[in-house]
N, C-alpha and C. Protein backbone atom coordinates (compact mmCIF):
# COMPACT_ATOMS: atom_id res chain seq x y z
N MET A 1 -22.25 -27.45 -0.36
CA MET A 1 -21.41 -27.42 -1.56
C MET A 1 -20.17 -26.58 -1.28
N ASP A 2 -19.03 -27.09 -1.67
CA ASP A 2 -17.75 -26.43 -1.45
C ASP A 2 -17.43 -25.52 -2.63
N ASN A 3 -17.39 -24.20 -2.37
CA ASN A 3 -17.07 -23.27 -3.46
C ASN A 3 -15.64 -22.74 -3.35
N LEU A 4 -14.81 -23.38 -2.54
CA LEU A 4 -13.42 -22.99 -2.40
C LEU A 4 -12.63 -23.64 -3.54
N THR A 5 -12.27 -22.82 -4.51
CA THR A 5 -11.48 -23.34 -5.64
C THR A 5 -10.05 -23.61 -5.18
N TRP A 6 -9.31 -24.35 -5.98
CA TRP A 6 -7.90 -24.58 -5.67
C TRP A 6 -7.14 -23.25 -5.63
N ASP A 7 -7.45 -22.35 -6.55
CA ASP A 7 -6.78 -21.05 -6.56
C ASP A 7 -7.02 -20.29 -5.25
N LYS A 8 -8.26 -20.24 -4.81
CA LYS A 8 -8.57 -19.54 -3.56
C LYS A 8 -7.90 -20.24 -2.37
N TYR A 9 -7.89 -21.54 -2.40
CA TYR A 9 -7.24 -22.33 -1.35
C TYR A 9 -5.77 -21.95 -1.24
N PHE A 10 -5.06 -21.93 -2.37
CA PHE A 10 -3.64 -21.62 -2.35
C PHE A 10 -3.39 -20.15 -2.04
N LEU A 11 -4.25 -19.25 -2.49
CA LEU A 11 -4.10 -17.84 -2.13
C LEU A 11 -4.32 -17.62 -0.64
N ASN A 12 -5.25 -18.37 -0.04
CA ASN A 12 -5.44 -18.30 1.41
C ASN A 12 -4.18 -18.74 2.16
N ILE A 13 -3.53 -19.77 1.65
CA ILE A 13 -2.29 -20.23 2.27
C ILE A 13 -1.20 -19.17 2.11
N ALA A 14 -1.14 -18.53 0.94
CA ALA A 14 -0.17 -17.44 0.74
C ALA A 14 -0.43 -16.30 1.73
N ASP A 15 -1.71 -16.04 2.02
CA ASP A 15 -2.06 -15.03 3.05
C ASP A 15 -1.47 -15.42 4.40
N GLU A 16 -1.61 -16.69 4.75
CA GLU A 16 -1.06 -17.16 6.03
C GLU A 16 0.46 -17.04 6.06
N VAL A 17 1.10 -17.40 4.96
CA VAL A 17 2.56 -17.30 4.87
C VAL A 17 3.00 -15.85 5.08
N SER A 18 2.23 -14.90 4.55
CA SER A 18 2.60 -13.48 4.65
C SER A 18 2.64 -13.00 6.10
N LYS A 19 1.96 -13.68 6.98
CA LYS A 19 1.93 -13.27 8.39
C LYS A 19 3.28 -13.46 9.08
N LYS A 20 4.19 -14.19 8.46
CA LYS A 20 5.54 -14.35 9.00
C LYS A 20 6.47 -13.21 8.56
N SER A 21 5.99 -12.36 7.66
CA SER A 21 6.82 -11.27 7.16
C SER A 21 7.20 -10.31 8.27
N HIS A 22 8.44 -9.85 8.24
CA HIS A 22 8.91 -8.86 9.20
C HIS A 22 9.02 -7.49 8.56
N CYS A 23 8.53 -7.34 7.34
CA CYS A 23 8.60 -6.06 6.64
C CYS A 23 7.62 -5.10 7.29
N LEU A 24 8.08 -3.89 7.55
CA LEU A 24 7.23 -2.88 8.19
C LEU A 24 6.45 -2.07 7.16
N SER A 25 6.68 -2.33 5.89
CA SER A 25 6.00 -1.59 4.82
C SER A 25 4.83 -2.39 4.23
N ARG A 26 5.10 -3.64 3.89
CA ARG A 26 4.08 -4.47 3.25
C ARG A 26 4.36 -5.93 3.55
N ASN A 27 3.32 -6.66 3.91
CA ASN A 27 3.46 -8.09 4.20
C ASN A 27 2.98 -8.91 3.02
N LEU A 28 3.92 -9.56 2.37
CA LEU A 28 3.59 -10.39 1.22
C LEU A 28 4.02 -11.83 1.47
N GLY A 29 3.25 -12.74 0.90
CA GLY A 29 3.57 -14.15 0.98
C GLY A 29 3.28 -14.82 -0.34
N CYS A 30 3.96 -15.90 -0.62
CA CYS A 30 3.67 -16.64 -1.84
C CYS A 30 4.00 -18.10 -1.62
N ILE A 31 3.44 -18.93 -2.48
CA ILE A 31 3.74 -20.35 -2.45
C ILE A 31 3.95 -20.83 -3.88
N ILE A 32 4.80 -21.80 -4.03
CA ILE A 32 5.04 -22.41 -5.33
C ILE A 32 4.39 -23.79 -5.29
N VAL A 33 3.58 -24.06 -6.31
CA VAL A 33 2.74 -25.25 -6.33
C VAL A 33 2.91 -25.99 -7.66
N ASN A 34 2.91 -27.32 -7.59
CA ASN A 34 2.88 -28.15 -8.80
C ASN A 34 1.98 -29.34 -8.51
N ASN A 35 1.06 -29.60 -9.41
CA ASN A 35 0.11 -30.71 -9.25
C ASN A 35 -0.59 -30.67 -7.90
N ARG A 36 -1.02 -29.47 -7.51
CA ARG A 36 -1.75 -29.25 -6.25
C ARG A 36 -0.94 -29.59 -5.00
N ARG A 37 0.36 -29.57 -5.11
CA ARG A 37 1.25 -29.84 -3.98
C ARG A 37 2.14 -28.62 -3.77
N ILE A 38 2.24 -28.18 -2.53
CA ILE A 38 3.08 -27.03 -2.20
C ILE A 38 4.54 -27.47 -2.18
N LEU A 39 5.35 -26.78 -2.98
CA LEU A 39 6.77 -27.10 -3.08
C LEU A 39 7.65 -26.18 -2.23
N SER A 40 7.23 -24.91 -2.11
CA SER A 40 8.01 -23.95 -1.36
C SER A 40 7.14 -22.77 -0.98
N THR A 41 7.55 -22.08 0.07
CA THR A 41 6.85 -20.87 0.49
C THR A 41 7.86 -19.76 0.67
N GLY A 42 7.39 -18.52 0.65
CA GLY A 42 8.27 -17.38 0.89
C GLY A 42 7.48 -16.18 1.34
N TYR A 43 8.12 -15.36 2.14
CA TYR A 43 7.53 -14.08 2.55
C TYR A 43 8.62 -13.04 2.50
N ASN A 44 8.24 -11.76 2.44
CA ASN A 44 9.24 -10.71 2.32
C ASN A 44 9.80 -10.34 3.68
N GLY A 45 11.07 -10.02 3.67
CA GLY A 45 11.74 -9.61 4.89
C GLY A 45 13.24 -9.72 4.74
N PRO A 46 13.97 -9.35 5.79
CA PRO A 46 15.43 -9.38 5.70
C PRO A 46 15.95 -10.81 5.58
N PRO A 47 17.14 -10.97 5.01
CA PRO A 47 17.73 -12.31 4.92
C PRO A 47 17.90 -12.95 6.29
N SER A 48 17.97 -14.26 6.30
CA SER A 48 18.15 -15.02 7.54
C SER A 48 19.34 -14.48 8.32
N GLY A 49 19.14 -14.26 9.61
CA GLY A 49 20.21 -13.81 10.48
C GLY A 49 20.46 -12.31 10.48
N ILE A 50 19.72 -11.56 9.68
CA ILE A 50 19.88 -10.10 9.62
C ILE A 50 18.80 -9.47 10.49
N MET A 51 19.19 -8.46 11.27
CA MET A 51 18.23 -7.81 12.16
C MET A 51 17.10 -7.16 11.35
N HIS A 52 15.94 -7.13 11.95
CA HIS A 52 14.76 -6.56 11.31
C HIS A 52 14.81 -5.03 11.36
N CYS A 53 14.01 -4.41 10.53
CA CYS A 53 14.07 -2.96 10.33
C CYS A 53 13.67 -2.13 11.55
N GLU A 54 12.93 -2.70 12.48
CA GLU A 54 12.55 -1.90 13.65
C GLU A 54 13.79 -1.51 14.47
N TRP A 55 14.91 -2.19 14.21
CA TRP A 55 16.15 -1.88 14.92
C TRP A 55 17.08 -0.98 14.11
N ARG A 56 16.52 -0.33 13.09
CA ARG A 56 17.32 0.59 12.27
C ARG A 56 16.96 2.03 12.61
N ASN A 57 17.93 2.92 12.49
CA ASN A 57 17.67 4.32 12.81
C ASN A 57 17.07 5.07 11.62
N ASP A 58 16.93 6.37 11.76
CA ASP A 58 16.29 7.17 10.71
C ASP A 58 17.17 7.36 9.47
N ARG A 59 18.40 6.87 9.51
CA ARG A 59 19.27 6.89 8.33
C ARG A 59 19.36 5.50 7.71
N GLY A 60 18.57 4.56 8.23
CA GLY A 60 18.56 3.20 7.71
C GLY A 60 19.70 2.34 8.22
N GLU A 61 20.45 2.82 9.22
CA GLU A 61 21.59 2.08 9.76
C GLU A 61 21.17 1.29 10.99
N TRP A 62 21.86 0.15 11.22
CA TRP A 62 21.64 -0.60 12.44
C TRP A 62 22.51 0.00 13.53
N ALA A 63 22.09 -0.19 14.77
CA ALA A 63 22.90 0.28 15.90
C ALA A 63 24.27 -0.38 15.84
N LYS A 64 25.30 0.39 16.07
CA LYS A 64 26.66 -0.14 16.03
C LYS A 64 27.09 -0.48 17.47
N LEU A 65 26.88 -1.74 17.83
CA LEU A 65 27.20 -2.19 19.18
C LEU A 65 28.20 -3.33 19.11
N LYS A 66 28.94 -3.53 20.15
CA LYS A 66 30.02 -4.52 20.14
C LYS A 66 29.51 -5.95 20.23
N THR A 67 28.47 -6.19 21.03
CA THR A 67 27.98 -7.55 21.21
C THR A 67 26.46 -7.56 21.19
N LEU A 68 25.89 -8.73 21.02
CA LEU A 68 24.45 -8.87 21.06
C LEU A 68 23.92 -8.44 22.41
N ASN A 69 24.66 -8.74 23.48
CA ASN A 69 24.24 -8.35 24.82
C ASN A 69 24.14 -6.84 24.93
N ASP A 70 25.12 -6.11 24.35
CA ASP A 70 25.06 -4.64 24.33
C ASP A 70 23.81 -4.19 23.59
N PHE A 71 23.51 -4.89 22.49
CA PHE A 71 22.35 -4.52 21.68
C PHE A 71 21.06 -4.70 22.46
N ILE A 72 20.94 -5.84 23.12
CA ILE A 72 19.72 -6.16 23.87
C ILE A 72 19.51 -5.16 25.01
N HIS A 73 20.60 -4.74 25.65
CA HIS A 73 20.50 -3.83 26.78
C HIS A 73 20.75 -2.37 26.41
N SER A 74 20.70 -2.08 25.12
CA SER A 74 20.95 -0.70 24.69
C SER A 74 19.76 0.19 25.02
N VAL A 75 19.97 1.46 24.92
CA VAL A 75 18.88 2.42 25.17
C VAL A 75 18.06 2.63 23.90
N TYR A 76 18.53 2.07 22.78
CA TYR A 76 17.80 2.22 21.52
C TYR A 76 16.49 1.46 21.62
N LYS A 77 15.42 2.12 21.33
CA LYS A 77 14.11 1.49 21.36
C LYS A 77 13.66 1.24 19.92
N PRO A 78 13.06 0.09 19.66
CA PRO A 78 12.64 -0.21 18.29
C PRO A 78 11.57 0.78 17.81
N LYS A 79 11.62 1.05 16.50
CA LYS A 79 10.64 1.92 15.86
C LYS A 79 9.90 1.07 14.83
N PHE A 80 8.63 0.88 15.06
CA PHE A 80 7.87 -0.02 14.20
C PHE A 80 7.27 0.72 13.01
N GLU A 81 8.15 1.35 12.26
CA GLU A 81 7.79 2.02 11.01
C GLU A 81 8.95 1.81 10.06
N CYS A 82 8.66 1.60 8.81
CA CYS A 82 9.68 1.36 7.79
C CYS A 82 10.69 2.51 7.79
N PRO A 83 11.99 2.19 7.90
CA PRO A 83 13.00 3.26 7.88
C PRO A 83 12.93 4.11 6.61
N ARG A 84 12.61 3.49 5.48
CA ARG A 84 12.50 4.27 4.23
C ARG A 84 11.36 5.28 4.34
N GLN A 85 10.26 4.87 4.95
CA GLN A 85 9.13 5.79 5.11
C GLN A 85 9.50 6.91 6.08
N ARG A 86 10.24 6.57 7.14
CA ARG A 86 10.70 7.60 8.08
C ARG A 86 11.61 8.61 7.38
N MET A 87 12.36 8.13 6.36
CA MET A 87 13.25 9.02 5.61
C MET A 87 12.51 9.80 4.52
N GLY A 88 11.21 9.53 4.35
CA GLY A 88 10.41 10.28 3.40
C GLY A 88 10.24 9.64 2.03
N TYR A 89 10.70 8.41 1.86
CA TYR A 89 10.55 7.74 0.57
C TYR A 89 9.15 7.14 0.43
N LYS A 90 8.66 7.12 -0.79
CA LYS A 90 7.38 6.49 -1.11
C LYS A 90 7.64 5.02 -1.45
N SER A 91 6.57 4.26 -1.56
CA SER A 91 6.67 2.84 -1.91
C SER A 91 7.47 2.69 -3.21
N GLY A 92 8.44 1.79 -3.19
CA GLY A 92 9.26 1.54 -4.36
C GLY A 92 10.47 2.45 -4.49
N GLU A 93 10.59 3.45 -3.62
CA GLU A 93 11.72 4.39 -3.66
C GLU A 93 12.67 4.11 -2.50
N GLY A 94 13.90 4.55 -2.62
CA GLY A 94 14.88 4.40 -1.55
C GLY A 94 15.23 2.97 -1.26
N LEU A 95 15.15 2.12 -2.27
CA LEU A 95 15.38 0.69 -2.05
C LEU A 95 16.82 0.37 -1.65
N GLU A 96 17.73 1.33 -1.86
CA GLU A 96 19.11 1.11 -1.42
C GLU A 96 19.21 1.05 0.11
N TYR A 97 18.14 1.47 0.79
CA TYR A 97 18.09 1.39 2.25
C TYR A 97 17.28 0.19 2.74
N CYS A 98 16.82 -0.64 1.84
CA CYS A 98 15.95 -1.77 2.19
C CYS A 98 16.75 -3.08 2.20
N SER A 99 16.69 -3.79 3.30
CA SER A 99 17.40 -5.07 3.39
C SER A 99 16.51 -6.26 3.04
N ALA A 100 15.25 -6.00 2.73
CA ALA A 100 14.30 -7.10 2.51
C ALA A 100 14.52 -7.81 1.18
N THR A 101 14.21 -9.09 1.21
CA THR A 101 14.13 -9.91 0.00
C THR A 101 12.65 -10.13 -0.27
N HIS A 102 12.26 -10.07 -1.54
CA HIS A 102 10.85 -10.24 -1.89
C HIS A 102 10.40 -11.69 -1.66
N ALA A 103 9.11 -11.84 -1.43
CA ALA A 103 8.53 -13.16 -1.15
C ALA A 103 8.81 -14.15 -2.27
N GLU A 104 8.66 -13.70 -3.52
CA GLU A 104 8.87 -14.59 -4.67
C GLU A 104 10.32 -15.09 -4.69
N ALA A 105 11.26 -14.17 -4.48
CA ALA A 105 12.68 -14.55 -4.48
C ALA A 105 12.97 -15.53 -3.35
N ASN A 106 12.41 -15.28 -2.17
CA ASN A 106 12.63 -16.18 -1.04
C ASN A 106 12.09 -17.57 -1.33
N ALA A 107 10.91 -17.67 -1.92
CA ALA A 107 10.33 -18.98 -2.22
C ALA A 107 11.20 -19.75 -3.21
N ILE A 108 11.72 -19.05 -4.21
CA ILE A 108 12.58 -19.70 -5.21
C ILE A 108 13.91 -20.12 -4.58
N VAL A 109 14.50 -19.24 -3.78
CA VAL A 109 15.78 -19.55 -3.14
C VAL A 109 15.63 -20.71 -2.16
N PHE A 110 14.56 -20.73 -1.37
CA PHE A 110 14.37 -21.82 -0.41
C PHE A 110 14.16 -23.14 -1.12
N ALA A 111 13.48 -23.13 -2.26
CA ALA A 111 13.33 -24.37 -3.03
C ALA A 111 14.71 -24.84 -3.51
N ALA A 112 15.49 -23.92 -4.05
CA ALA A 112 16.83 -24.29 -4.53
C ALA A 112 17.71 -24.80 -3.39
N ARG A 113 17.65 -24.11 -2.28
CA ARG A 113 18.47 -24.48 -1.12
C ARG A 113 18.15 -25.90 -0.63
N ASN A 114 16.90 -26.30 -0.81
CA ASN A 114 16.46 -27.63 -0.36
C ASN A 114 16.38 -28.66 -1.48
N GLY A 115 16.87 -28.29 -2.67
CA GLY A 115 16.90 -29.23 -3.78
C GLY A 115 15.53 -29.58 -4.33
N VAL A 116 14.59 -28.64 -4.24
CA VAL A 116 13.23 -28.90 -4.72
C VAL A 116 13.09 -28.37 -6.14
N LYS A 117 12.70 -29.23 -7.05
CA LYS A 117 12.53 -28.89 -8.46
C LYS A 117 11.22 -28.09 -8.62
N ILE A 118 11.31 -26.89 -9.17
CA ILE A 118 10.11 -26.05 -9.29
C ILE A 118 9.77 -25.67 -10.73
N ASP A 119 10.48 -26.22 -11.71
CA ASP A 119 10.11 -25.88 -13.08
C ASP A 119 8.74 -26.48 -13.41
N ASN A 120 8.05 -25.80 -14.31
CA ASN A 120 6.68 -26.17 -14.71
C ASN A 120 5.68 -26.03 -13.57
N SER A 121 5.96 -25.18 -12.62
CA SER A 121 5.07 -24.97 -11.48
C SER A 121 4.33 -23.64 -11.61
N ALA A 122 3.55 -23.32 -10.59
CA ALA A 122 2.83 -22.05 -10.52
C ALA A 122 3.22 -21.37 -9.21
N ILE A 123 3.21 -20.04 -9.22
CA ILE A 123 3.48 -19.28 -8.01
C ILE A 123 2.24 -18.47 -7.67
N TYR A 124 1.76 -18.63 -6.45
CA TYR A 124 0.59 -17.90 -5.94
C TYR A 124 1.09 -16.79 -5.04
N ILE A 125 0.64 -15.56 -5.30
CA ILE A 125 1.09 -14.39 -4.56
C ILE A 125 -0.12 -13.70 -3.96
N ASN A 126 -0.09 -13.39 -2.67
CA ASN A 126 -1.25 -12.80 -2.00
C ASN A 126 -1.34 -11.28 -2.23
N SER A 127 -1.26 -10.87 -3.47
CA SER A 127 -1.31 -9.47 -3.84
C SER A 127 -1.81 -9.36 -5.27
N GLN A 128 -2.30 -8.18 -5.62
CA GLN A 128 -2.65 -7.91 -7.01
C GLN A 128 -1.45 -7.36 -7.77
N ILE A 129 -0.44 -6.93 -7.04
CA ILE A 129 0.70 -6.27 -7.68
C ILE A 129 1.59 -7.31 -8.36
N MET A 130 1.89 -7.06 -9.62
CA MET A 130 2.76 -7.94 -10.40
C MET A 130 4.14 -8.01 -9.76
N PRO A 131 4.82 -9.13 -9.92
CA PRO A 131 6.20 -9.20 -9.44
C PRO A 131 7.06 -8.11 -10.08
N CYS A 132 8.03 -7.64 -9.33
CA CYS A 132 8.95 -6.63 -9.85
C CYS A 132 9.83 -7.26 -10.94
N ARG A 133 10.60 -6.42 -11.59
CA ARG A 133 11.48 -6.86 -12.68
C ARG A 133 12.43 -7.97 -12.21
N GLU A 134 13.07 -7.79 -11.04
CA GLU A 134 14.05 -8.77 -10.56
C GLU A 134 13.39 -10.11 -10.22
N CYS A 135 12.24 -10.06 -9.58
CA CYS A 135 11.53 -11.31 -9.26
C CYS A 135 11.02 -11.98 -10.53
N ALA A 136 10.59 -11.19 -11.50
CA ALA A 136 10.14 -11.77 -12.78
C ALA A 136 11.28 -12.54 -13.44
N LYS A 137 12.48 -11.99 -13.39
CA LYS A 137 13.63 -12.70 -13.97
C LYS A 137 13.84 -14.03 -13.27
N LEU A 138 13.73 -14.04 -11.95
CA LEU A 138 13.90 -15.29 -11.20
C LEU A 138 12.80 -16.29 -11.54
N ILE A 139 11.57 -15.81 -11.63
CA ILE A 139 10.44 -16.67 -11.97
C ILE A 139 10.66 -17.33 -13.32
N ILE A 140 11.08 -16.54 -14.30
CA ILE A 140 11.32 -17.07 -15.65
C ILE A 140 12.45 -18.10 -15.63
N ASN A 141 13.58 -17.74 -15.02
CA ASN A 141 14.74 -18.64 -15.01
C ASN A 141 14.51 -19.89 -14.18
N ALA A 142 13.61 -19.83 -13.21
CA ALA A 142 13.28 -21.01 -12.40
C ALA A 142 12.35 -21.96 -13.15
N GLY A 143 11.80 -21.51 -14.27
CA GLY A 143 10.90 -22.36 -15.05
C GLY A 143 9.46 -22.34 -14.59
N ILE A 144 9.11 -21.37 -13.76
CA ILE A 144 7.72 -21.23 -13.32
C ILE A 144 6.88 -20.78 -14.49
N LYS A 145 5.77 -21.44 -14.72
CA LYS A 145 4.96 -21.20 -15.92
C LYS A 145 3.73 -20.34 -15.70
N GLU A 146 3.36 -20.12 -14.43
CA GLU A 146 2.13 -19.39 -14.17
C GLU A 146 2.26 -18.55 -12.89
N VAL A 147 1.77 -17.32 -12.97
CA VAL A 147 1.72 -16.42 -11.82
C VAL A 147 0.25 -16.17 -11.52
N ILE A 148 -0.19 -16.54 -10.32
CA ILE A 148 -1.58 -16.35 -9.92
C ILE A 148 -1.61 -15.31 -8.81
N LEU A 149 -2.36 -14.25 -9.07
CA LEU A 149 -2.44 -13.12 -8.14
C LEU A 149 -3.79 -13.09 -7.45
N LYS A 150 -3.86 -12.29 -6.40
CA LYS A 150 -5.10 -12.14 -5.62
C LYS A 150 -5.83 -10.90 -6.12
N GLY A 151 -6.37 -10.99 -7.32
CA GLY A 151 -7.07 -9.87 -7.95
C GLY A 151 -6.54 -9.61 -9.34
N GLU A 152 -7.19 -8.68 -10.01
CA GLU A 152 -6.74 -8.29 -11.35
C GLU A 152 -5.33 -7.74 -11.26
N PRO A 153 -4.43 -8.17 -12.14
CA PRO A 153 -3.04 -7.74 -12.06
C PRO A 153 -2.87 -6.21 -12.14
N VAL A 154 -2.03 -5.71 -11.23
CA VAL A 154 -1.64 -4.30 -11.21
C VAL A 154 -0.14 -4.28 -11.47
N ILE A 155 0.27 -3.53 -12.48
CA ILE A 155 1.68 -3.51 -12.86
C ILE A 155 2.48 -2.66 -11.88
N TYR A 156 3.53 -3.25 -11.33
CA TYR A 156 4.46 -2.58 -10.42
C TYR A 156 5.15 -1.48 -11.21
N LYS A 157 5.09 -0.26 -10.71
CA LYS A 157 5.65 0.88 -11.44
C LYS A 157 7.15 0.92 -11.28
N GLN A 158 7.84 0.82 -12.41
CA GLN A 158 9.29 0.88 -12.45
C GLN A 158 9.71 1.64 -13.69
N VAL A 159 10.88 2.23 -13.64
CA VAL A 159 11.44 2.86 -14.82
C VAL A 159 11.93 1.75 -15.73
N GLY A 160 11.67 1.87 -17.01
CA GLY A 160 12.14 0.88 -17.98
C GLY A 160 11.22 -0.33 -18.06
N ILE A 161 11.81 -1.44 -18.42
CA ILE A 161 11.04 -2.67 -18.60
C ILE A 161 10.50 -3.14 -17.24
N THR A 162 9.27 -3.63 -17.25
CA THR A 162 8.64 -4.07 -16.00
C THR A 162 8.67 -5.60 -15.89
N GLY A 163 8.38 -6.07 -14.71
CA GLY A 163 8.26 -7.51 -14.51
C GLY A 163 7.16 -8.09 -15.40
N TYR A 164 6.08 -7.34 -15.54
CA TYR A 164 4.98 -7.77 -16.41
C TYR A 164 5.48 -7.98 -17.83
N ASP A 165 6.24 -7.00 -18.34
CA ASP A 165 6.77 -7.09 -19.71
C ASP A 165 7.59 -8.37 -19.89
N LEU A 166 8.47 -8.64 -18.94
CA LEU A 166 9.33 -9.81 -19.04
C LEU A 166 8.53 -11.11 -18.99
N LEU A 167 7.58 -11.18 -18.06
CA LEU A 167 6.78 -12.40 -17.92
C LEU A 167 5.96 -12.67 -19.18
N ILE A 168 5.36 -11.63 -19.73
CA ILE A 168 4.58 -11.79 -20.96
C ILE A 168 5.47 -12.27 -22.11
N GLU A 169 6.62 -11.61 -22.25
CA GLU A 169 7.53 -11.99 -23.34
C GLU A 169 8.00 -13.44 -23.20
N ALA A 170 8.17 -13.90 -21.97
CA ALA A 170 8.62 -15.28 -21.72
C ALA A 170 7.48 -16.30 -21.83
N GLY A 171 6.26 -15.82 -22.01
CA GLY A 171 5.13 -16.73 -22.16
C GLY A 171 4.57 -17.25 -20.84
N VAL A 172 4.92 -16.58 -19.73
CA VAL A 172 4.38 -16.98 -18.43
C VAL A 172 2.93 -16.53 -18.36
N ILE A 173 2.05 -17.39 -17.94
CA ILE A 173 0.62 -17.07 -17.81
C ILE A 173 0.44 -16.26 -16.52
N ILE A 174 -0.30 -15.16 -16.62
CA ILE A 174 -0.61 -14.30 -15.47
C ILE A 174 -2.12 -14.25 -15.33
N ARG A 175 -2.63 -14.52 -14.13
CA ARG A 175 -4.08 -14.48 -13.98
C ARG A 175 -4.50 -14.17 -12.57
N ASP A 176 -5.76 -13.77 -12.47
CA ASP A 176 -6.41 -13.46 -11.19
C ASP A 176 -6.98 -14.77 -10.65
N GLY A 177 -6.51 -15.19 -9.50
CA GLY A 177 -6.99 -16.44 -8.91
C GLY A 177 -8.10 -16.24 -7.89
N SER A 178 -8.52 -14.99 -7.70
CA SER A 178 -9.53 -14.71 -6.66
C SER A 178 -10.95 -14.93 -7.14
N LYS A 179 -11.15 -15.21 -8.38
CA LYS A 179 -12.50 -15.35 -8.93
C LYS A 179 -13.10 -16.70 -8.65
């Protein structure tokens, strides 16, 4: 007997998508689904063509080199720790030093970039943490109707209105898909 629900199936795929993340702090992945069909995927990390954080110094800056060849042959060695953490910031702090785009935003942007209609869809996120305020705004404006998390929802701590607040007010369904 197959006890793999559709929710667990899609959350497992979101887990796989997260493995492409280049974020040194947290690896997140998500997929946007409609009628059991995957429309788009996203993971957190720097925008396309932007160097990853292991090549940033302790001030969050990239090496200032003239050419890619200089960069490749530089004496700078990559540091596989989040620059914000090296600077002493806790999770969610020092975001002005973070070049990453969230998984939810990437999935929505990639759908738009490819002309994929995602309204009335669901977004599966391989985390219990609710989308942040900015991602919640994108989810609402994209017409996504349901957010499925990997566990009981945990509200992302932010000053002021939260992503959870916005999603609830907009009537977006939030649920634990791991059951």
